[in-house]
């Protein structure tokens, strides 16, 4: 049973930073293309950052230049460094496979809440 556990969210003032972590209990983590998603009430989850199994990263326009995705395959962990946070970054953040590049997905974790205030 694959488990996904996100952590690192919190309450932060606009302009601040947070680092999210996501640990996935899966045996072939190294081969999997991963991504971070976020969701706000009443909206669908949107993919905001993806990282390939070769560590190639790409970003949604809304976060490019402010967020950095990375992975540590030895720890089955994917990270999201978020800098220059804006109020509109407030959301629940999730990690999963990159649905543009990977044909299956993990069960969704509980996510981690990020709240940015002005």
N, C-alpha and C. Protein backbone atom coordinates (compact mmCIF):
# COMPACT_ATOMS: atom_id res chain seq x y z
N UNK A 1 0.84 -1.19 0.00
CA UNK A 1 0.00 0.00 0.00
C UNK A 1 0.88 1.25 0.00
N UNK A 2 0.79 2.03 -1.07
CA UNK A 2 1.57 3.25 -1.16
C UNK A 2 0.99 4.30 -0.23
N UNK A 3 1.86 4.95 0.51
CA UNK A 3 1.44 6.05 1.37
C UNK A 3 2.19 7.32 0.98
N UNK A 4 1.48 8.42 0.99
CA UNK A 4 2.03 9.73 0.66
C UNK A 4 1.81 10.63 1.86
N UNK A 5 2.89 11.23 2.36
CA UNK A 5 2.77 12.09 3.53
C UNK A 5 3.45 13.42 3.24
N UNK A 6 2.63 14.46 3.14
CA UNK A 6 3.14 15.82 2.93
C UNK A 6 3.28 16.54 4.27
N UNK A 7 4.26 17.43 4.35
CA UNK A 7 4.45 18.20 5.58
C UNK A 7 5.15 19.51 5.24
N UNK A 8 5.20 20.40 6.22
CA UNK A 8 5.94 21.63 6.07
C UNK A 8 5.11 22.87 5.85
N UNK A 9 3.81 22.71 5.71
CA UNK A 9 2.96 23.88 5.52
C UNK A 9 2.84 24.69 6.79
N UNK A 10 2.15 25.82 6.67
CA UNK A 10 1.97 26.67 7.84
C UNK A 10 1.45 28.03 7.46
N UNK A 11 1.52 28.92 8.43
CA UNK A 11 1.06 30.30 8.27
C UNK A 11 2.29 31.19 8.09
N UNK A 12 2.31 31.97 7.03
CA UNK A 12 3.49 32.79 6.75
C UNK A 12 3.05 34.13 6.16
N UNK A 13 3.81 35.14 6.47
CA UNK A 13 3.52 36.46 5.94
C UNK A 13 3.95 36.53 4.47
N UNK A 14 3.24 37.33 3.71
CA UNK A 14 3.60 37.53 2.32
C UNK A 14 5.06 37.96 2.21
N UNK A 15 5.75 37.37 1.25
CA UNK A 15 7.17 37.62 1.07
C UNK A 15 8.05 36.59 1.76
N UNK A 16 7.45 35.78 2.61
CA UNK A 16 8.20 34.78 3.34
C UNK A 16 8.42 33.51 2.55
N UNK A 17 8.96 32.51 3.24
CA UNK A 17 9.33 31.25 2.59
C UNK A 17 8.85 30.06 3.42
N UNK A 18 8.63 28.97 2.72
CA UNK A 18 8.34 27.68 3.35
C UNK A 18 8.98 26.60 2.50
N UNK A 19 9.29 25.48 3.14
CA UNK A 19 9.79 24.32 2.42
C UNK A 19 8.88 23.13 2.73
N UNK A 20 8.25 22.62 1.70
CA UNK A 20 7.39 21.46 1.85
C UNK A 20 8.16 20.19 1.56
N UNK A 21 7.77 19.12 2.24
CA UNK A 21 8.36 17.81 2.00
C UNK A 21 7.25 16.80 1.75
N UNK A 22 7.59 15.78 1.00
CA UNK A 22 6.63 14.72 0.73
C UNK A 22 7.39 13.41 0.66
N UNK A 23 7.03 12.50 1.54
CA UNK A 23 7.64 11.18 1.58
C UNK A 23 6.65 10.17 0.99
N UNK A 24 7.15 9.35 0.08
CA UNK A 24 6.29 8.37 -0.58
C UNK A 24 6.86 6.97 -0.32
N UNK A 25 6.04 6.11 0.21
CA UNK A 25 6.48 4.74 0.50
C UNK A 25 6.19 3.88 -0.71
N UNK A 26 7.13 3.90 -1.66
CA UNK A 26 6.99 3.12 -2.89
C UNK A 26 8.37 2.60 -3.25
N UNK A 27 8.42 1.42 -3.85
CA UNK A 27 9.72 0.77 -4.06
C UNK A 27 10.48 1.32 -5.26
N UNK A 28 9.81 1.85 -6.27
CA UNK A 28 10.48 2.30 -7.48
C UNK A 28 10.47 3.82 -7.61
N UNK A 29 10.62 4.49 -6.49
CA UNK A 29 10.55 5.95 -6.44
C UNK A 29 11.49 6.59 -7.47
N UNK A 30 12.67 6.05 -7.61
CA UNK A 30 13.69 6.63 -8.49
C UNK A 30 13.19 6.83 -9.92
N UNK A 31 12.32 5.94 -10.40
CA UNK A 31 11.90 5.95 -11.79
C UNK A 31 10.70 6.86 -12.06
N UNK A 32 10.09 7.36 -11.01
CA UNK A 32 8.80 8.01 -11.14
C UNK A 32 8.95 9.51 -11.35
N UNK A 33 8.20 10.02 -12.31
CA UNK A 33 8.11 11.48 -12.51
C UNK A 33 7.11 12.02 -11.48
N UNK A 34 7.52 13.03 -10.75
CA UNK A 34 6.75 13.52 -9.61
C UNK A 34 6.31 14.96 -9.82
N UNK A 35 5.37 15.38 -8.99
CA UNK A 35 4.88 16.75 -9.11
C UNK A 35 4.26 17.22 -7.81
N UNK A 36 4.23 18.51 -7.67
CA UNK A 36 3.45 19.15 -6.61
C UNK A 36 2.22 19.78 -7.25
N UNK A 37 1.12 19.65 -6.52
CA UNK A 37 -0.16 20.22 -6.91
C UNK A 37 -0.67 21.10 -5.78
N UNK A 38 -1.61 21.96 -6.10
CA UNK A 38 -2.28 22.71 -5.04
C UNK A 38 -3.75 22.86 -5.38
N UNK A 39 -4.53 23.05 -4.34
CA UNK A 39 -5.98 23.14 -4.52
C UNK A 39 -6.55 24.16 -3.55
N UNK A 40 -7.42 24.99 -4.06
CA UNK A 40 -8.17 25.94 -3.23
C UNK A 40 -9.64 25.53 -3.26
N UNK A 41 -10.40 25.94 -2.26
CA UNK A 41 -11.81 25.52 -2.17
C UNK A 41 -12.59 25.84 -3.45
N UNK A 42 -13.31 24.85 -3.93
CA UNK A 42 -14.15 25.03 -5.10
C UNK A 42 -13.42 24.90 -6.41
N UNK A 43 -12.12 24.63 -6.36
CA UNK A 43 -11.32 24.51 -7.58
C UNK A 43 -10.66 23.15 -7.68
N UNK A 44 -10.29 22.78 -8.88
CA UNK A 44 -9.59 21.52 -9.09
C UNK A 44 -8.13 21.66 -8.67
N UNK A 45 -7.52 20.53 -8.40
CA UNK A 45 -6.09 20.55 -8.14
C UNK A 45 -5.37 20.98 -9.41
N UNK A 46 -4.36 21.84 -9.23
CA UNK A 46 -3.56 22.25 -10.37
C UNK A 46 -2.11 21.85 -10.14
N UNK A 47 -1.49 21.40 -11.20
CA UNK A 47 -0.08 21.03 -11.14
C UNK A 47 0.74 22.32 -11.20
N UNK A 48 1.62 22.50 -10.24
CA UNK A 48 2.40 23.73 -10.22
C UNK A 48 3.90 23.49 -10.44
N UNK A 49 4.37 22.28 -10.20
CA UNK A 49 5.79 21.99 -10.42
C UNK A 49 5.96 20.50 -10.65
N UNK A 50 6.77 20.16 -11.64
CA UNK A 50 7.04 18.77 -11.92
C UNK A 50 8.53 18.51 -11.96
N UNK A 51 8.92 17.28 -11.63
CA UNK A 51 10.33 16.91 -11.70
C UNK A 51 10.42 15.49 -12.27
N UNK A 52 11.21 15.34 -13.30
CA UNK A 52 11.33 14.03 -13.95
C UNK A 52 12.24 13.11 -13.15
N UNK A 53 12.33 11.85 -13.60
CA UNK A 53 13.23 10.92 -12.91
C UNK A 53 14.69 11.27 -13.15
N UNK A 54 14.95 12.17 -14.08
CA UNK A 54 16.31 12.68 -14.30
C UNK A 54 16.50 14.05 -13.67
N UNK A 55 15.54 14.44 -12.83
CA UNK A 55 15.60 15.71 -12.09
C UNK A 55 15.44 16.94 -12.97
N UNK A 56 14.82 16.77 -14.12
CA UNK A 56 14.45 17.95 -14.92
C UNK A 56 13.18 18.54 -14.33
N UNK A 57 13.20 19.84 -14.05
CA UNK A 57 12.08 20.49 -13.39
C UNK A 57 11.39 21.48 -14.31
N UNK A 58 10.09 21.59 -14.16
CA UNK A 58 9.36 22.64 -14.86
C UNK A 58 8.25 23.15 -13.96
N UNK A 59 7.73 24.35 -14.27
CA UNK A 59 6.85 25.06 -13.36
C UNK A 59 5.69 25.72 -14.08
N UNK A 60 4.60 25.87 -13.35
CA UNK A 60 3.50 26.70 -13.84
C UNK A 60 3.96 28.15 -13.82
N UNK A 61 3.39 28.95 -14.70
CA UNK A 61 3.78 30.34 -14.80
C UNK A 61 3.58 31.09 -13.47
N UNK A 62 2.57 30.67 -12.72
CA UNK A 62 2.22 31.37 -11.49
C UNK A 62 3.29 31.24 -10.40
N UNK A 63 4.15 30.23 -10.51
CA UNK A 63 5.16 30.00 -9.46
C UNK A 63 6.58 30.05 -9.99
N UNK A 64 6.74 30.12 -11.28
CA UNK A 64 8.08 30.08 -11.87
C UNK A 64 8.91 31.24 -11.36
N UNK A 65 10.14 30.92 -10.98
CA UNK A 65 11.04 31.93 -10.45
C UNK A 65 10.94 32.12 -8.94
N UNK A 66 9.89 31.56 -8.33
CA UNK A 66 9.71 31.68 -6.88
C UNK A 66 9.80 30.32 -6.18
N UNK A 67 9.33 29.28 -6.84
CA UNK A 67 9.31 27.94 -6.25
C UNK A 67 10.38 27.07 -6.91
N UNK A 68 10.91 26.13 -6.13
CA UNK A 68 11.89 25.17 -6.65
C UNK A 68 11.53 23.78 -6.18
N UNK A 69 11.37 22.87 -7.12
CA UNK A 69 11.09 21.48 -6.80
C UNK A 69 12.40 20.70 -6.86
N UNK A 70 12.56 19.75 -5.94
CA UNK A 70 13.75 18.90 -5.95
C UNK A 70 13.36 17.54 -5.38
N UNK A 71 14.26 16.60 -5.52
CA UNK A 71 13.98 15.26 -5.03
C UNK A 71 15.23 14.64 -4.45
N UNK A 72 15.02 13.76 -3.48
CA UNK A 72 16.10 12.98 -2.89
C UNK A 72 15.66 11.52 -2.98
N UNK A 73 16.13 10.83 -3.99
CA UNK A 73 15.67 9.46 -4.21
C UNK A 73 16.10 8.52 -3.10
N UNK A 74 17.19 8.84 -2.43
CA UNK A 74 17.65 7.98 -1.33
C UNK A 74 16.68 8.04 -0.15
N UNK A 75 15.91 9.12 -0.09
CA UNK A 75 14.97 9.29 1.02
C UNK A 75 13.51 9.18 0.56
N UNK A 76 13.30 8.82 -0.70
CA UNK A 76 11.93 8.75 -1.24
C UNK A 76 11.17 10.04 -0.94
N UNK A 77 11.82 11.15 -1.15
CA UNK A 77 11.24 12.43 -0.76
C UNK A 77 11.34 13.44 -1.90
N UNK A 78 10.28 14.20 -2.06
CA UNK A 78 10.28 15.32 -2.99
C UNK A 78 9.99 16.58 -2.19
N UNK A 79 10.66 17.66 -2.56
CA UNK A 79 10.57 18.91 -1.83
C UNK A 79 10.00 20.02 -2.72
N UNK A 80 9.46 21.03 -2.05
CA UNK A 80 9.07 22.25 -2.75
C UNK A 80 9.51 23.44 -1.89
N UNK A 81 10.53 24.12 -2.37
CA UNK A 81 10.98 25.35 -1.71
C UNK A 81 10.17 26.51 -2.28
N UNK A 82 9.49 27.22 -1.40
CA UNK A 82 8.62 28.30 -1.84
C UNK A 82 9.13 29.61 -1.26
N UNK A 83 9.52 30.50 -2.12
CA UNK A 83 10.02 31.81 -1.72
C UNK A 83 9.10 32.91 -2.25
N UNK A 84 9.25 34.10 -1.69
CA UNK A 84 8.45 35.25 -2.13
C UNK A 84 6.97 34.91 -2.19
N UNK A 85 6.49 34.30 -1.14
CA UNK A 85 5.10 33.83 -1.13
C UNK A 85 4.13 34.98 -1.23
N UNK A 86 3.03 34.70 -1.92
CA UNK A 86 1.97 35.67 -2.13
C UNK A 86 0.67 35.16 -1.49
N UNK A 87 -0.23 36.06 -1.21
CA UNK A 87 -1.52 35.66 -0.63
C UNK A 87 -2.20 34.63 -1.52
N UNK A 88 -2.06 34.80 -2.82
CA UNK A 88 -2.73 33.87 -3.75
C UNK A 88 -2.08 32.49 -3.80
N UNK A 89 -0.99 32.28 -3.08
CA UNK A 89 -0.41 30.95 -2.96
C UNK A 89 -1.11 30.13 -1.88
N UNK A 90 -2.00 30.76 -1.14
CA UNK A 90 -2.75 30.05 -0.09
C UNK A 90 -3.53 28.90 -0.71
N UNK A 91 -3.30 27.69 -0.21
CA UNK A 91 -3.92 26.49 -0.77
C UNK A 91 -3.50 25.28 0.06
N UNK A 92 -4.10 24.14 -0.24
CA UNK A 92 -3.60 22.87 0.26
C UNK A 92 -2.68 22.30 -0.82
N UNK A 93 -1.50 21.90 -0.42
CA UNK A 93 -0.48 21.42 -1.34
C UNK A 93 -0.35 19.90 -1.22
N UNK A 94 -0.26 19.25 -2.38
CA UNK A 94 -0.17 17.80 -2.46
C UNK A 94 0.99 17.41 -3.38
N UNK A 95 1.54 16.24 -3.14
CA UNK A 95 2.47 15.69 -4.13
C UNK A 95 1.86 14.40 -4.68
N UNK A 96 2.28 14.06 -5.88
CA UNK A 96 1.83 12.84 -6.54
C UNK A 96 2.70 12.63 -7.77
N UNK A 97 2.35 11.63 -8.56
CA UNK A 97 3.05 11.47 -9.83
C UNK A 97 2.68 12.63 -10.74
N UNK A 98 3.54 12.91 -11.70
CA UNK A 98 3.28 13.95 -12.68
C UNK A 98 2.31 13.39 -13.72
N UNK A 99 1.10 13.84 -13.69
CA UNK A 99 0.07 13.23 -14.55
C UNK A 99 0.27 13.55 -16.03
N UNK A 100 1.23 14.39 -16.37
CA UNK A 100 1.53 14.64 -17.78
C UNK A 100 2.49 13.58 -18.34
N UNK A 101 3.20 12.93 -17.44
CA UNK A 101 4.29 12.05 -17.87
C UNK A 101 4.21 10.64 -17.28
N UNK A 102 3.32 10.42 -16.34
CA UNK A 102 3.26 9.12 -15.68
C UNK A 102 1.84 8.62 -15.74
N UNK A 103 1.67 7.36 -16.09
CA UNK A 103 0.35 6.84 -16.39
C UNK A 103 -0.50 6.47 -15.20
N UNK A 104 0.07 6.42 -14.02
CA UNK A 104 -0.72 6.08 -12.85
C UNK A 104 -0.42 7.08 -11.74
N UNK A 105 -1.21 7.05 -10.71
CA UNK A 105 -1.02 7.99 -9.61
C UNK A 105 -1.02 7.26 -8.28
N UNK A 106 -0.45 7.90 -7.30
CA UNK A 106 -0.51 7.39 -5.93
C UNK A 106 -1.89 7.73 -5.35
N UNK A 107 -2.25 7.05 -4.27
CA UNK A 107 -3.41 7.56 -3.50
C UNK A 107 -3.07 8.97 -3.00
N UNK A 108 -4.01 9.84 -3.01
CA UNK A 108 -3.73 11.21 -2.55
C UNK A 108 -3.51 11.22 -1.03
N UNK A 109 -2.49 11.97 -0.62
CA UNK A 109 -2.26 12.16 0.79
C UNK A 109 -3.21 13.19 1.36
N UNK A 110 -2.96 13.57 2.60
CA UNK A 110 -3.84 14.53 3.26
C UNK A 110 -3.51 15.96 2.86
N UNK A 111 -2.36 16.15 2.23
CA UNK A 111 -1.95 17.49 1.84
C UNK A 111 -1.41 18.27 3.03
N UNK A 112 -0.87 19.43 2.73
CA UNK A 112 -0.38 20.32 3.78
C UNK A 112 -0.87 21.73 3.47
N UNK A 113 -1.46 22.36 4.46
CA UNK A 113 -2.07 23.68 4.26
C UNK A 113 -1.00 24.77 4.31
N UNK A 114 -1.03 25.63 3.32
CA UNK A 114 -0.19 26.83 3.29
C UNK A 114 -1.12 28.03 3.28
N UNK A 115 -0.92 28.89 4.26
CA UNK A 115 -1.73 30.11 4.36
C UNK A 115 -0.79 31.31 4.38
N UNK A 116 -0.96 32.19 3.42
CA UNK A 116 -0.12 33.39 3.32
C UNK A 116 -0.99 34.60 3.61
N UNK A 117 -0.54 35.42 4.56
CA UNK A 117 -1.32 36.61 4.93
C UNK A 117 -0.52 37.87 4.60
N UNK A 118 -1.27 38.93 4.39
CA UNK A 118 -0.62 40.20 4.03
C UNK A 118 -0.39 41.08 5.24
